[in-house]
Amino acid sequence: MRDPSANWDVPFDAAELPDQGLTARLARSQAHDAWRALVLAQRQADESPGHAHAYGVALLGCGMPFAAGDVLTGLVARADGDRPDAASYGRRVDLATAGVRSGFWDGAMGQLLQVAEELLRKGLNQGRRWEDLADRCRRLHRSRALRDEERTFQRLRIAWLTELAGAGEATTEHRLARARAHLALGELDADRQEYDRAGRLLLALADDPGASQTALELLVGLHLRAGPEHQEDRERARSLLHKANPHSRVLREGSRNDEGRRWMAGLEAYHATTTLLLLSREAGDAEPGPRARRRLGLLARAHPDQPRYAVAAALALLAHGELAAATDALAWAQAPLTAEDHRALADAFTQAGRPDLARAHRAPDRSDPTGTE
């Protein structure tokens, strides 16, 4: 489903920020030097709550919703002990946007409703701010309500397209539509199996002259979000797309690997793993615990250069007795683990009743004593 926050203004109200949101506007995910604006906002964050708010908004603009959520959650928590003011409403609305973009829509709706109830209680239910807030509530409510319908629709669509394929009547367009339907289900539920089904169909379509470029664009985008089913598929898909369209936008998006981008990716990984691991532990078998574990597994595949995701996924899965899935997640890490990571994994494998795997993580030559951040 389309992100209901795609057209929301961020920040909710630029007038609340120290520089009218200038720093936040400079920090945009597509900007080449976005990280410079982000570093500036980070350095100023301790000057005032407004500057911290601006930093959270800058993180949102750079496509880092988990990091933004942590910053804004801290601000909202501190404000809860004080008398709510206009700025605190804006921070909570921006926190809701971070929640939507992190994939946790129900919590985001709760934030929006809290603001709406407070403004309604104070008789402030009019004007531009109220209309914007009401519009966000309507959009998010509708999107949440449509998720079950969307899931049913995509499953029926897949069943019909599969039947056509079995009868030998599926055209190239039908095969592409089936892949898109599996992609939609994967995004709805952070479902690894649906992503993998889509990936297989798209890879098969790479040799079809009528759909190869579209299929490869979708496949590379899938790998960026959820990783490939097999590690070798990642480079193969990128190589084929480069031949078909070397100027592809999605190809450029996945090739940015300068120092600033790596720093941003590491920062988001730190906040994402902290948040998702906490949700997994606190919620257990109830939602959003299972979704948090599924997300960690997908992030581990999508970002093998950020082993923090693989370690967090393994720890979350081991805590729920999913040994095979945990070892699978660890296999995706392509960078050294820190000494702290090895210790945490050794303890987790010991508690899971696998001292053999625990010993492997206690071996001195497997540790990086310096660690990475």
Protein backbone atom coordinates (compact mmCIF):
# COMPACT_ATOMS: atom_id res chain seq x y z
CA MET A 1 0.00 0.00 0.00
CA ARG A 2 1.07 3.56 -0.61
CA ASP A 3 2.58 5.29 2.41
CA PRO A 4 -0.21 7.55 3.75
CA SER A 5 2.42 10.01 4.99
CA ALA A 6 3.95 10.53 1.53
CA ASN A 7 2.30 13.94 1.10
CA TRP A 8 2.43 15.09 4.72
CA ASP A 9 4.40 18.23 5.47
CA VAL A 10 7.45 17.61 7.64
CA PRO A 11 7.70 19.39 10.00
CA PHE A 12 4.06 19.73 10.96
CA ASP A 13 4.71 23.41 11.60
CA ALA A 14 8.04 24.94 10.53
CA ALA A 15 7.31 28.04 12.63
CA GLU A 16 8.05 25.96 15.74
CA LEU A 17 11.67 25.39 14.71
CA PRO A 18 14.51 27.80 15.54
CA ASP A 19 15.38 28.58 11.90
CA GLN A 20 11.89 28.15 10.45
CA GLY A 21 12.91 24.66 9.41
CA LEU A 22 15.80 25.72 7.14
CA THR A 23 18.25 23.10 8.41
CA ALA A 24 15.60 20.42 8.21
CA ARG A 25 14.75 21.41 4.63
CA LEU A 26 18.41 21.08 3.65
CA ALA A 27 18.47 17.51 4.96
CA ARG A 28 16.72 15.56 2.23
CA SER A 29 17.40 11.96 1.34
CA GLN A 30 18.12 12.74 -2.31
CA ALA A 31 20.53 15.59 -1.58
CA HIS A 32 24.18 14.72 -2.21
CA ASP A 33 25.39 16.47 0.95
CA ALA A 34 22.37 15.73 3.14
CA TRP A 35 24.65 14.30 5.78
CA ARG A 36 26.32 17.70 6.26
CA ALA A 37 22.99 19.32 7.16
CA LEU A 38 22.26 16.37 9.40
CA VAL A 39 25.58 16.71 11.26
CA LEU A 40 24.87 20.43 11.78
CA ALA A 41 21.40 19.66 13.17
CA GLN A 42 22.88 17.00 15.46
CA ARG A 43 25.46 19.43 16.86
CA GLN A 44 22.76 21.99 17.62
CA ALA A 45 20.30 19.49 19.13
CA ASP A 46 21.37 20.11 22.74
CA GLU A 47 20.81 23.89 22.54
CA SER A 48 17.05 23.72 23.12
CA PRO A 49 14.00 21.47 22.66
CA GLY A 50 13.35 23.34 19.41
CA HIS A 51 16.79 22.43 18.10
CA ALA A 52 16.27 18.79 19.13
CA HIS A 53 12.94 18.87 17.27
CA ALA A 54 14.73 20.24 14.20
CA TYR A 55 17.22 17.38 14.41
CA GLY A 56 14.41 14.82 14.53
CA VAL A 57 12.78 16.44 11.51
CA ALA A 58 16.10 16.45 9.65
CA LEU A 59 16.43 12.71 10.30
CA LEU A 60 12.95 12.19 8.88
CA GLY A 61 13.88 14.18 5.79
CA CYS A 62 16.93 11.98 5.27
CA GLY A 63 14.84 8.82 5.28
CA MET A 64 15.85 7.75 8.80
CA PRO A 65 12.51 7.24 10.59
CA PHE A 66 13.81 5.03 13.42
CA ALA A 67 16.46 7.57 14.41
CA ALA A 68 13.88 10.36 14.12
CA GLY A 69 11.44 8.37 16.23
CA ASP A 70 13.96 7.95 19.04
CA VAL A 71 14.79 11.66 19.12
CA LEU A 72 11.16 12.77 19.00
CA THR A 73 10.05 10.14 21.54
CA GLY A 74 12.56 11.56 24.00
CA LEU A 75 11.23 15.07 23.42
CA VAL A 76 7.61 14.03 23.83
CA ALA A 77 8.38 12.07 27.00
CA ARG A 78 10.07 15.07 28.60
CA ALA A 79 7.19 17.34 27.60
CA ASP A 80 4.60 15.01 29.15
CA GLY A 81 5.62 16.21 32.59
CA ASP A 82 5.09 19.83 31.61
CA ARG A 83 2.09 21.77 30.47
CA PRO A 84 1.51 20.92 26.75
CA ASP A 85 2.09 23.82 24.39
CA ALA A 86 1.82 24.33 20.63
CA ALA A 87 5.34 23.05 20.07
CA SER A 88 4.65 19.81 21.94
CA TYR A 89 1.69 19.14 19.62
CA GLY A 90 3.90 19.53 16.59
CA ARG A 91 6.53 17.19 17.98
CA ARG A 92 3.92 14.51 18.62
CA VAL A 93 2.55 14.85 15.09
CA ASP A 94 6.06 14.57 13.63
CA LEU A 95 6.60 11.52 15.86
CA ALA A 96 3.48 9.99 14.29
CA THR A 97 5.00 10.55 10.85
CA ALA A 98 8.14 8.73 11.98
CA GLY A 99 5.95 5.88 13.22
CA VAL A 100 4.18 5.55 9.88
CA ARG A 101 7.46 5.54 7.98
CA SER A 102 8.88 2.95 10.38
CA GLY A 103 5.93 0.70 9.55
CA PHE A 104 4.08 0.96 12.87
CA TRP A 105 0.85 2.67 11.87
CA ASP A 106 -1.24 1.81 14.92
CA GLY A 107 1.13 3.60 17.30
CA ALA A 108 1.24 6.56 14.94
CA MET A 109 -2.55 6.79 14.97
CA GLY A 110 -2.46 6.87 18.75
CA GLN A 111 -0.13 9.86 18.68
CA LEU A 112 -2.36 11.78 16.25
CA LEU A 113 -5.48 11.07 18.28
CA GLN A 114 -3.82 12.28 21.47
CA VAL A 115 -3.06 15.61 19.82
CA ALA A 116 -6.56 15.87 18.35
CA GLU A 117 -8.20 15.16 21.72
CA GLU A 118 -6.06 17.76 23.49
CA LEU A 119 -6.73 20.45 20.88
CA LEU A 120 -10.46 19.64 20.89
CA ARG A 121 -10.55 19.86 24.69
CA LYS A 122 -8.99 23.31 24.52
CA GLY A 123 -11.34 24.49 21.79
CA LEU A 124 -8.54 24.80 19.25
CA ASN A 125 -10.30 22.71 16.61
CA GLN A 126 -10.10 25.23 13.79
CA GLY A 127 -7.52 26.82 11.53
CA ARG A 128 -4.79 25.42 9.29
CA ARG A 129 -3.11 23.28 11.94
CA TRP A 130 -6.36 21.57 12.91
CA GLU A 131 -7.30 20.94 9.27
CA ASP A 132 -3.88 19.43 8.58
CA LEU A 133 -4.13 17.21 11.66
CA ALA A 134 -7.65 16.09 10.76
CA ASP A 135 -6.51 15.27 7.22
CA ARG A 136 -3.65 13.12 8.55
CA CYS A 137 -6.02 11.27 10.85
CA ARG A 138 -8.43 10.59 7.98
CA ARG A 139 -5.70 9.39 5.62
CA LEU A 140 -4.08 7.13 8.18
CA HIS A 141 -7.41 5.76 9.42
CA ARG A 142 -8.47 4.92 5.87
CA SER A 143 -5.14 3.27 5.08
CA ARG A 144 -5.31 1.17 8.26
CA ALA A 145 -8.88 0.13 7.47
CA LEU A 146 -7.97 -0.83 3.91
CA ARG A 147 -5.08 -3.12 4.85
CA ASP A 148 -7.26 -6.23 5.30
CA GLU A 149 -9.12 -5.48 2.07
CA GLU A 150 -5.83 -4.94 0.25
CA ARG A 151 -4.45 -8.21 1.60
CA THR A 152 -7.55 -10.13 0.46
CA PHE A 153 -7.51 -8.45 -2.94
CA GLN A 154 -3.85 -9.28 -3.58
CA ARG A 155 -4.33 -12.91 -2.54
CA LEU A 156 -7.31 -13.30 -4.87
CA ARG A 157 -5.32 -11.64 -7.63
CA ILE A 158 -2.44 -14.07 -7.12
CA ALA A 159 -4.81 -17.05 -7.15
CA TRP A 160 -6.30 -15.95 -10.48
CA LEU A 161 -2.93 -15.21 -12.07
CA THR A 162 -1.52 -18.53 -10.82
CA GLU A 163 -4.47 -20.31 -12.41
CA LEU A 164 -3.77 -18.57 -15.71
CA ALA A 165 -0.11 -19.61 -15.52
CA GLY A 166 -1.09 -23.22 -14.80
CA ALA A 167 -3.30 -23.24 -17.89
CA GLY A 168 -0.51 -21.75 -20.00
CA GLU A 169 -2.51 -18.57 -20.63
CA ALA A 170 -0.44 -16.07 -18.62
CA THR A 171 1.01 -13.23 -20.69
CA THR A 172 4.07 -11.19 -19.79
CA GLU A 173 1.74 -8.59 -18.27
CA HIS A 174 0.07 -11.27 -16.16
CA ARG A 175 3.43 -12.53 -14.85
CA LEU A 176 4.50 -8.98 -13.99
CA ALA A 177 1.17 -8.32 -12.25
CA ARG A 178 1.60 -11.49 -10.18
CA ALA A 179 5.07 -10.36 -9.07
CA ARG A 180 3.65 -6.96 -8.08
CA ALA A 181 0.92 -8.66 -6.04
CA HIS A 182 3.49 -10.72 -4.11
CA LEU A 183 5.49 -7.52 -3.55
CA ALA A 184 2.41 -5.80 -2.17
CA LEU A 185 1.82 -8.65 0.30
CA GLY A 186 5.46 -8.58 1.32
CA GLU A 187 5.23 -4.88 2.12
CA LEU A 188 1.93 -5.23 3.97
CA ASP A 189 3.19 -7.86 6.40
CA ALA A 190 7.01 -7.64 6.18
CA ASP A 191 6.67 -11.18 4.82
CA ARG A 192 9.94 -12.70 3.64
CA GLN A 193 8.26 -15.52 1.71
CA GLU A 194 6.15 -13.11 -0.34
CA TYR A 195 9.20 -11.01 -1.18
CA ASP A 196 11.04 -14.15 -2.27
CA ARG A 197 8.15 -15.28 -4.48
CA ALA A 198 8.14 -11.86 -6.11
CA GLY A 199 11.91 -12.01 -6.55
CA ARG A 200 11.78 -15.37 -8.35
CA LEU A 201 9.12 -14.14 -10.76
CA LEU A 202 10.97 -10.89 -11.47
CA LEU A 203 14.26 -12.69 -12.02
CA ALA A 204 12.56 -14.98 -14.53
CA LEU A 205 11.13 -11.93 -16.32
CA ALA A 206 14.62 -10.45 -16.70
CA ASP A 207 14.98 -12.43 -19.93
CA ASP A 208 11.62 -11.29 -21.31
CA PRO A 209 12.16 -8.43 -23.81
CA GLY A 210 8.71 -7.06 -23.07
CA ALA A 211 9.23 -6.61 -19.36
CA SER A 212 12.93 -6.96 -18.55
CA GLN A 213 13.66 -3.36 -17.58
CA THR A 214 10.53 -2.96 -15.46
CA ALA A 215 11.15 -6.33 -13.80
CA LEU A 216 14.77 -5.45 -13.04
CA GLU A 217 13.81 -2.04 -11.61
CA LEU A 218 11.33 -3.77 -9.29
CA LEU A 219 13.83 -6.48 -8.39
CA VAL A 220 16.65 -4.10 -7.48
CA GLY A 221 14.18 -2.03 -5.44
CA LEU A 222 13.05 -5.20 -3.65
CA HIS A 223 16.67 -6.00 -2.80
CA LEU A 224 17.16 -2.51 -1.36
CA ARG A 225 14.14 -2.91 0.94
CA ALA A 226 14.17 -6.58 1.86
CA GLY A 227 17.32 -8.17 0.47
CA PRO A 228 17.57 -11.03 -2.05
CA GLU A 229 16.65 -14.65 -1.43
CA HIS A 230 20.17 -15.67 -2.47
CA GLN A 231 23.18 -13.40 -2.03
CA GLU A 232 24.35 -13.80 -5.64
CA ASP A 233 21.00 -12.50 -6.92
CA ARG A 234 21.80 -8.98 -5.71
CA GLU A 235 24.77 -8.35 -7.99
CA ARG A 236 23.24 -10.26 -10.87
CA ALA A 237 20.14 -8.07 -10.83
CA ARG A 238 22.17 -4.87 -10.60
CA SER A 239 24.45 -5.98 -13.44
CA LEU A 240 21.51 -6.80 -15.70
CA LEU A 241 19.80 -3.49 -14.90
CA HIS A 242 23.01 -1.58 -15.58
CA LYS A 243 23.13 -3.10 -19.05
CA ALA A 244 19.47 -2.31 -19.68
CA ASN A 245 19.48 1.19 -18.21
CA PRO A 246 22.73 2.48 -16.69
CA HIS A 247 20.97 5.71 -15.62
CA SER A 248 18.25 3.97 -13.63
CA ARG A 249 17.12 5.93 -10.56
CA VAL A 250 16.87 2.83 -8.38
CA LEU A 251 20.35 1.79 -9.50
CA ARG A 252 21.75 5.16 -8.44
CA GLU A 253 19.92 4.95 -5.13
CA GLY A 254 21.59 1.68 -4.26
CA SER A 255 25.07 2.70 -5.39
CA ARG A 256 25.61 5.66 -3.05
CA ASN A 257 28.30 4.58 -0.65
CA ASP A 258 30.30 7.67 0.31
CA GLU A 259 31.47 8.29 3.85
CA GLY A 260 28.47 10.47 4.70
CA ARG A 261 26.00 7.85 3.49
CA ARG A 262 27.75 5.13 5.46
CA TRP A 263 27.59 7.25 8.60
CA MET A 264 23.86 7.84 8.08
CA ALA A 265 23.25 4.13 7.44
CA GLY A 266 25.11 3.20 10.62
CA LEU A 267 23.16 5.72 12.69
CA GLU A 268 19.81 4.47 11.40
CA ALA A 269 20.90 0.87 11.96
CA TYR A 270 21.71 1.64 15.60
CA HIS A 271 18.29 3.19 16.26
CA ALA A 272 16.34 0.65 14.19
CA THR A 273 17.87 -2.37 15.92
CA THR A 274 17.43 -0.80 19.37
CA THR A 275 13.75 -0.06 18.70
CA LEU A 276 12.87 -3.34 17.00
CA LEU A 277 14.70 -5.51 19.53
CA LEU A 278 12.93 -3.71 22.37
CA LEU A 279 9.54 -4.17 20.68
CA SER A 280 10.27 -7.87 20.13
CA ARG A 281 11.19 -8.38 23.79
CA GLU A 282 8.31 -6.36 25.25
CA ALA A 283 5.52 -7.58 22.95
CA GLY A 284 6.62 -11.22 22.74
CA ASP A 285 4.18 -13.24 20.66
CA ALA A 286 1.65 -10.39 20.48
CA GLU A 287 1.92 -7.72 17.83
CA PRO A 288 4.06 -5.79 17.12
CA GLY A 289 6.58 -8.38 18.41
CA PRO A 290 6.38 -10.79 15.45
CA ARG A 291 6.44 -7.92 12.95
CA ALA A 292 9.53 -6.47 14.63
CA ARG A 293 11.32 -9.82 14.26
CA ARG A 294 10.29 -10.12 10.62
CA ARG A 295 11.54 -6.60 9.96
CA LEU A 296 14.89 -7.34 11.59
CA GLY A 297 15.30 -10.42 9.41
CA LEU A 298 14.58 -8.45 6.25
CA LEU A 299 16.91 -5.63 7.28
CA ALA A 300 19.69 -8.15 7.93
CA ARG A 301 19.33 -9.39 4.34
CA ALA A 302 18.97 -5.92 2.85
CA HIS A 303 22.01 -4.46 4.64
CA PRO A 304 24.74 -7.11 4.92
CA ASP A 305 27.27 -4.29 5.41
CA GLN A 306 25.50 -3.38 8.67
CA PRO A 307 25.99 -6.51 10.83
CA ARG A 308 24.11 -4.83 13.67
CA TYR A 309 20.87 -5.87 11.92
CA ALA A 310 21.94 -9.53 11.69
CA VAL A 311 22.96 -9.64 15.35
CA ALA A 312 19.72 -8.01 16.54
CA ALA A 313 17.65 -10.35 14.36
CA ALA A 314 19.50 -13.37 15.74
CA LEU A 315 19.06 -12.22 19.35
CA ALA A 316 15.35 -11.58 18.86
CA LEU A 317 14.78 -14.92 17.14
CA LEU A 318 16.83 -16.89 19.67
CA ALA A 319 14.77 -15.41 22.49
CA HIS A 320 11.73 -17.01 20.85
CA GLY A 321 13.31 -20.39 20.18
CA GLU A 322 13.81 -19.87 16.44
CA LEU A 323 17.34 -21.26 16.18
CA ALA A 324 17.38 -21.97 12.44
CA ALA A 325 16.07 -18.50 11.57
CA ALA A 326 18.63 -16.92 13.91
CA THR A 327 21.60 -18.68 12.32
CA ASP A 328 20.20 -17.82 8.89
CA ALA A 329 20.06 -14.13 9.82
CA LEU A 330 23.66 -14.19 11.05
CA ALA A 331 24.82 -15.70 7.77
CA TRP A 332 23.93 -12.47 5.97
CA ALA A 333 26.45 -10.31 7.86
CA GLN A 334 29.37 -9.40 5.60
CA ALA A 335 31.29 -7.20 8.04
CA PRO A 336 33.07 -8.10 11.30
CA LEU A 337 31.00 -8.27 14.46
CA THR A 338 32.07 -6.33 17.51
CA ALA A 339 33.39 -8.03 20.64
CA GLU A 340 30.16 -6.95 22.35
CA ASP A 341 28.12 -8.61 19.58
CA HIS A 342 30.02 -11.88 20.02
CA ARG A 343 29.47 -11.84 23.79
CA ALA A 344 25.73 -11.21 23.38
CA LEU A 345 25.43 -14.02 20.84
CA ALA A 346 27.47 -16.41 22.99
CA ASP A 347 25.12 -15.79 25.90
CA ALA A 348 22.03 -16.17 23.70
CA PHE A 349 23.21 -19.44 22.17
CA THR A 350 24.05 -20.75 25.64
CA GLN A 351 20.55 -19.96 26.85
CA ALA A 352 19.16 -21.63 23.72
CA GLY A 353 20.96 -24.83 24.64
CA ARG A 354 23.60 -24.66 21.93
CA PRO A 355 26.97 -24.45 23.71
CA ASP A 356 28.75 -25.44 20.46
CA LEU A 357 27.54 -22.26 18.73
CA ALA A 358 28.23 -20.26 21.88
CA ARG A 359 31.87 -21.41 21.87
CA ALA A 360 32.27 -20.23 18.29
CA HIS A 361 31.43 -16.69 19.39
CA ARG A 362 33.75 -16.83 22.38
CA ALA A 363 36.79 -17.70 20.27
CA PRO A 364 39.33 -14.85 20.41
CA ASP A 365 40.01 -14.87 16.67
CA ARG A 366 36.33 -14.27 15.91
CA SER A 367 36.14 -11.01 17.87
CA ASP A 368 36.82 -7.49 16.78
CA PRO A 369 38.22 -6.00 20.01
CA THR A 370 37.92 -2.46 18.75
CA GLY A 371 34.27 -2.73 17.82
CA THR A 372 32.33 -0.54 15.42
CA GLU A 373 29.68 2.02 15.96
